[in-house]
C-alpha atoms as a PDB file:
ATOM      1  CA  MET A   1      81.999 100.485  99.690  1.00  0.00           C
ATOM      2  CA  PRO A   2      85.182  99.831 101.738  1.00  0.00           C
ATOM      3  CA  LEU A   3      88.265  98.526  99.995  1.00  0.00           C
ATOM      4  CA  SER A   4      89.500  95.054 100.818  1.00  0.00           C
ATOM      5  CA  PRO A   5      92.904  95.012 102.560  1.00  0.00           C
ATOM      6  CA  ARG A   6      94.477  93.353  99.517  1.00  0.00           C
ATOM      7  CA  LEU A   7      93.147  95.970  97.109  1.00  0.00           C
ATOM      8  CA  LYS A   8      94.102  98.801  99.455  1.00  0.00           C
ATOM      9  CA  LYS A   9      97.640  97.519  99.612  1.00  0.00           C
ATOM     10  CA  GLU A  10      97.869  97.090  95.807  1.00  0.00           C
ATOM     11  CA  MET A  11      96.517 100.607  95.240  1.00  0.00           C
ATOM     12  CA  GLN A  12      98.972 102.106  97.710  1.00  0.00           C
ATOM     13  CA  ARG A  13     101.880 100.236  96.059  1.00  0.00           C
ATOM     14  CA  ALA A  14     100.835 101.294  92.562  1.00  0.00           C
ATOM     15  CA  LEU A  15     100.271 104.935  93.444  1.00  0.00           C
ATOM     16  CA  ARG A  16     103.530 105.123  95.447  1.00  0.00           C
ATOM     17  CA  GLY A  17     105.456 103.616  92.490  1.00  0.00           C
ATOM     18  CA  ILE A  18     104.074 105.943  89.837  1.00  0.00           C
ATOM     19  CA  THR A  19     104.368 108.965  92.149  1.00  0.00           C
ATOM     20  CA  VAL A  20     108.060 108.292  92.804  1.00  0.00           C
ATOM     21  CA  ALA A  21     108.693 107.749  89.103  1.00  0.00           C
ATOM     22  CA  VAL A  22     106.895 110.971  88.059  1.00  0.00           C
ATOM     23  CA  LEU A  23     108.639 113.058  90.759  1.00  0.00           C
ATOM     24  CA  ASN A  24     112.038 111.694  89.820  1.00  0.00           C
ATOM     25  CA  GLN A  25     111.659 111.769  86.019  1.00  0.00           C
ATOM     26  CA  GLN A  26     109.345 114.789  85.691  1.00  0.00           C
ATOM     27  CA  PRO A  27     107.898 113.693  82.354  1.00  0.00           C
ATOM     28  CA  PRO A  28     106.371 116.334  80.020  1.00  0.00           C
ATOM     29  CA  ASN A  29     103.095 114.356  79.868  1.00  0.00           C
ATOM     30  CA  VAL A  30     102.147 112.424  83.025  1.00  0.00           C
ATOM     31  CA  ARG A  31      99.303 110.461  81.399  1.00  0.00           C
ATOM     32  CA  GLU A  32     101.446 109.139  78.553  1.00  0.00           C
ATOM     33  CA  PHE A  33     104.278 108.406  80.993  1.00  0.00           C
ATOM     34  CA  ALA A  34     101.829 106.477  83.236  1.00  0.00           C
ATOM     35  CA  VAL A  35     100.692 104.282  80.271  1.00  0.00           C
ATOM     36  CA  VAL A  36     104.294 103.428  79.489  1.00  0.00           C
ATOM     37  CA  TYR A  37     105.242 102.998  83.178  1.00  0.00           C
ATOM     38  CA  PHE A  38     102.443 100.564  84.022  1.00  0.00           C
ATOM     39  CA  SER A  39     102.736  98.642  80.773  1.00  0.00           C
ATOM     40  CA  ARG A  40     106.494  98.135  81.273  1.00  0.00           C
ATOM     41  CA  LEU A  41     105.936  97.291  84.961  1.00  0.00           C
ATOM     42  CA  LEU A  42     103.436  94.534  84.015  1.00  0.00           C
ATOM     43  CA  LYS A  43     105.905  93.180  81.452  1.00  0.00           C
ATOM     44  CA  PHE A  44     108.741  93.286  83.994  1.00  0.00           C
ATOM     45  CA  LYS A  45     106.526  91.459  86.526  1.00  0.00           C
ATOM     46  CA  ALA A  46     105.677  88.755  83.975  1.00  0.00           C
ATOM     47  CA  GLU A  47     109.411  88.322  83.184  1.00  0.00           C
ATOM     48  CA  ASN A  48     110.238  87.977  86.904  1.00  0.00           C
ATOM     49  CA  PRO A  49     107.673  85.554  88.322  1.00  0.00           C
ATOM     50  CA  CYS A  50     109.822  84.542  91.331  1.00  0.00           C
ATOM     51  CA  LEU A  51     109.752  88.088  92.792  1.00  0.00           C
ATOM     52  CA  ASN A  52     107.012  89.258  95.164  1.00  0.00           C
ATOM     53  CA  ASP A  53     105.225  92.518  94.401  1.00  0.00           C
ATOM     54  CA  ASP A  54     107.465  94.690  96.567  1.00  0.00           C
ATOM     55  CA  GLU A  55     110.622  93.162  95.009  1.00  0.00           C
ATOM     56  CA  VAL A  56     109.203  93.678  91.496  1.00  0.00           C
ATOM     57  CA  LEU A  57     108.582  97.343  92.202  1.00  0.00           C
ATOM     58  CA  GLN A  58     112.010  97.858  93.796  1.00  0.00           C
ATOM     59  CA  LYS A  59     113.913  96.130  91.017  1.00  0.00           C
ATOM     60  CA  PHE A  60     111.789  97.799  88.329  1.00  0.00           C
ATOM     61  CA  HIS A  61     112.683 101.200  89.701  1.00  0.00           C
ATOM     62  CA  MET A  62     116.343 100.322  90.027  1.00  0.00           C
ATOM     63  CA  THR A  63     116.719  98.933  86.480  1.00  0.00           C
ATOM     64  CA  GLU A  64     113.953 100.211  84.204  1.00  0.00           C
ATOM     65  CA  VAL A  65     112.436 103.567  85.206  1.00  0.00           C
ATOM     66  CA  ASN A  66     115.451 105.680  84.145  1.00  0.00           C
ATOM     67  CA  GLY A  67     115.200 104.115  80.672  1.00  0.00           C
ATOM     68  CA  LEU A  68     111.588 105.061  80.057  1.00  0.00           C
ATOM     69  CA  PRO A  69     111.072 107.494  77.167  1.00  0.00           C
ATOM     70  CA  MET A  70     110.941 111.145  78.169  1.00  0.00           C
ATOM     71  CA  CYS A  71     110.907 113.206  74.907  1.00  0.00           C
ATOM     72  CA  PRO A  72     107.322 114.097  73.909  1.00  0.00           C
ATOM     73  CA  PRO A  73     107.394 112.353  70.454  1.00  0.00           C
ATOM     74  CA  GLU A  74     109.187 109.285  71.825  1.00  0.00           C
ATOM     75  CA  LEU A  75     106.882 109.157  74.886  1.00  0.00           C
ATOM     76  CA  LYS A  76     103.755 109.507  72.736  1.00  0.00           C
ATOM     77  CA  THR A  77     104.932 106.770  70.352  1.00  0.00           C
ATOM     78  CA  ALA A  78     105.675 104.396  73.222  1.00  0.00           C
ATOM     79  CA  ALA A  79     102.324 105.110  74.886  1.00  0.00           C
ATOM     80  CA  VAL A  80     100.365 104.514  71.678  1.00  0.00           C
ATOM     81  CA  GLN A  81     102.321 101.345  70.795  1.00  0.00           C
ATOM     82  CA  THR A  82     101.867 100.028  74.325  1.00  0.00           C
ATOM     83  CA  SER A  83      98.123 100.679  74.418  1.00  0.00           C
ATOM     84  CA  VAL A  84      97.515  99.265  70.948  1.00  0.00           C
ATOM     85  CA  ASP A  85     100.065  96.432  70.457  1.00  0.00           C
ATOM     86  CA  GLU A  86     100.116  94.573  73.779  1.00  0.00           C
ATOM     87  CA  GLU A  87      97.559  92.021  74.865  1.00  0.00           C
ATOM     88  CA  PRO A  88      95.735  92.945  78.026  1.00  0.00           C
ATOM     89  CA  SER A  89      97.065  91.327  81.180  1.00  0.00           C
ATOM     90  CA  GLU A  90      94.907  88.425  82.342  1.00  0.00           C
ATOM     91  CA  SER A  91      95.626  89.328  85.983  1.00  0.00           C
ATOM     92  CA  PHE A  92      93.718  92.591  85.527  1.00  0.00           C
ATOM     93  CA  SER A  93      90.912  91.342  83.276  1.00  0.00           C
ATOM     94  CA  SER A  94      87.467  90.772  84.687  1.00  0.00           C
ATOM     95  CA  GLU A  95      86.569  88.574  81.715  1.00  0.00           C
ATOM     96  CA  PRO A  96      87.316  84.847  81.576  1.00  0.00           C
ATOM     97  CA  PRO A  97      90.267  83.872  79.364  1.00  0.00           C
ATOM     98  CA  ARG A  98      89.431  83.554  75.679  1.00  0.00           C
ATOM     99  CA  LYS A  99      89.549  80.150  74.050  1.00  0.00           C
ATOM    100  CA  VAL A 100      91.631  79.900  70.935  1.00  0.00           C
END
C-alpha cells in the first residue's frame, strides 16, 4: 500500500530528526534514547502550539536534544518513566478520546 504524501513527509521528518540526534549524541542505547527523544518531542510540540512541524523540530534540536539523558542508568530511568507515566498523545491514538 503506498503512503499518503502527508504520512510520507511526517515519516521523513521523524526519521531525519531521530537520526540527527542519535548521530550527534551517540547514546549508549538507541532504543531507550528514542523513547525519551520522541516523548520529549511530543511534549515540546504540545507546549509550542504556534509552531509548525518543521519549526518544532528545529527549535527542539536547538534547545532540548543536548539535555536528554545519556548515562545508561539515567537514560533507562527516563525511558521507563516516560513510557509508564505519560498519557498517550491523542494525535497518535487511533481510538476515540475517552469520556471522563
